[in-house]
């Protein structure tokens, strides 16, 4: 980091708060802070009948909704009473008043991008108002800032998850947001806006970009490189440059969508222009710095306010755009070494809930990952009729679910028609198919708590998503590197591969060897979905492209293992191994000692996607035990793997 110079400090020129996500903002003279952003900022949100957010990307009319709060709401220590209202206005509509005291009704299944959780429902009057204005069923919900950790769920690497919304970046882990898209704070300079407008035939207002802080008195785009700034007593850390979706193209006075300023920004503010030597350009455009507050405390938050005119002291800067991109967006580097011509390893097992099943590729994964339940089914046994790709027959058999002390549960494999909304896997939320009351009773009895069995609906409709791209209730893989690929109820990727050599190398270090079922691959190569055999231990880590039958798989990321491998799959008892041993020789600290920030994670296996799947090949081809695994390209070192 470079220390900032002694030039005169820029000043806070304007402060903006956006009480309702995607509706008009309020310019204020001062604002107080909360742990997850400016007070009242993105505290409310309009959602559809399924609880999904509405934004100007889909409903540009939201830009015309005017929002008012009592002026004293932005002063330190102020609390609403029964005479305090959020006032909502729009042309042709009656005025809507929402009490600022917190409602008690709860709306479940509310979602913002991949996040899903509960929120507070602002009632039927608000629902009617927004439904009439937008011409479709809508509700107004409020983020519950007082929500407790309703239920601690087991997370990756043993971390707890809750109803709060974390920022979507490891670089600023530990910080939360409300209904913001990505970060709690967003800063742009007047100089940057002026530089953009100098290139436009029709200048645009700052309201196209919806920042919280507009600062003045610095060079255009210098805020991009600010790593730490101090305003009053609050220290803000730059998280990522803000890449722009299509909202800046929405005229905030008319709600008409055009092509500018994005078309002009693409010419001088794209990743291709800012970081020309970047290995993979995504065609994104950037304007503004998204930030978190490093030193917020409830005491300072209640007693201090950021005011227009406050100086912005730049404490630290990064030295180049290359640093801002590489620091904040880890990606797999593309330099590949061609694989040698050694004998190809062979498929050994498909490791799944039924290891004897001949699995058929679908667009998202193998057929064995279609059914999931919200808790571990330790000790459960699945039986299923073998399904062969060549048969082309409709499946009419039952899935048989068994465990000691329970009657056999039969689930018809034909698709059910009942829908369960608000189903969530990690950050994703959507609808699924409900397998019925027999399954409810069975799993509720087995787990001792209310449970349901749901099936992923692979025929669900698409909805509009970020940056104008179509998103849906389908589940995308959680990585920009393999964008465009989807999963079902997997954690991260559609395929996981481990080699027999890697398992053997691990077991050689353990006093009690473990089975491959601890790691739950698809292919045991001897691949976990796939276990493959006939290769050196952990060489699969470096495989970038492989071919099995006619399917080409691309390595995405090394698989970070949570505590599931410590669960004995025969007794359901949790211990410390093999994770304790893996930490000694398979952690990020060991694999990539030069990495700037180690997270103490352990890795085993390569998570992959299929590059050339088509419905035709998926139906006509199958991967079989004994198939050769042809390594096409490899990365040269762990430094080039996504870890």
Foldseek 3Di string as FASTA:
>chain_A
DDFDDDPFFWFFAWFWADLEAQADIDTAFWFFADLAATPSHNQKFKAAPQQEGDHLLHVLCNLQKDWDWPNCVRPFPDDFDQVTWIWIDGPPADIDTQGPPADDAKDAQHAAVLAGGIFHWRDDVQQVRVCVVRVHGMTMTGFDPPDDQPDFDQDFQRDTDGRFAFAPFPVPGPGTHTNDNGGRFWEAEPQQLVVLQVPDPDRDDPSLVDGRTYIYDDHHPQQQFQQWKAWPHWIKGFAAFDWDFQSSQQRSNPSDGDCPPVVVQLVQFACCNQPVPDQDGDSTGGGITGIHTDDDDPVCSNVDMGGGGTGIGRGDTDDGPVCRCCVTAPFFHDDWDFDDDPFFWFQQWFFALDTVAFWFDDQAATPRPFKDKPDDPFQKHWDDDHDDLAPPDDQFAWIWIDGPPADIDTQGPPAADAKDAQDHAVSHGGIFGWRDDVQQVRVCVVVVHGITMTGHDPVFDWDADTSRDIHRSFAFAPHPNPGPGTHTNDRGGRFWFAEPQQLVVLQVPDPDRDDPVLVQGLCLLVTRPNNNYDDHHPQQQFQQWKAWPHWIKGFGAFDWGHQSSQQRSNPRDGDCPPVVVQLVQFACCNQPVVDPDGDSTGGGTTGIHTDDDDPVCSSNDTGDGGTGIGRGITHDGCVSGRD
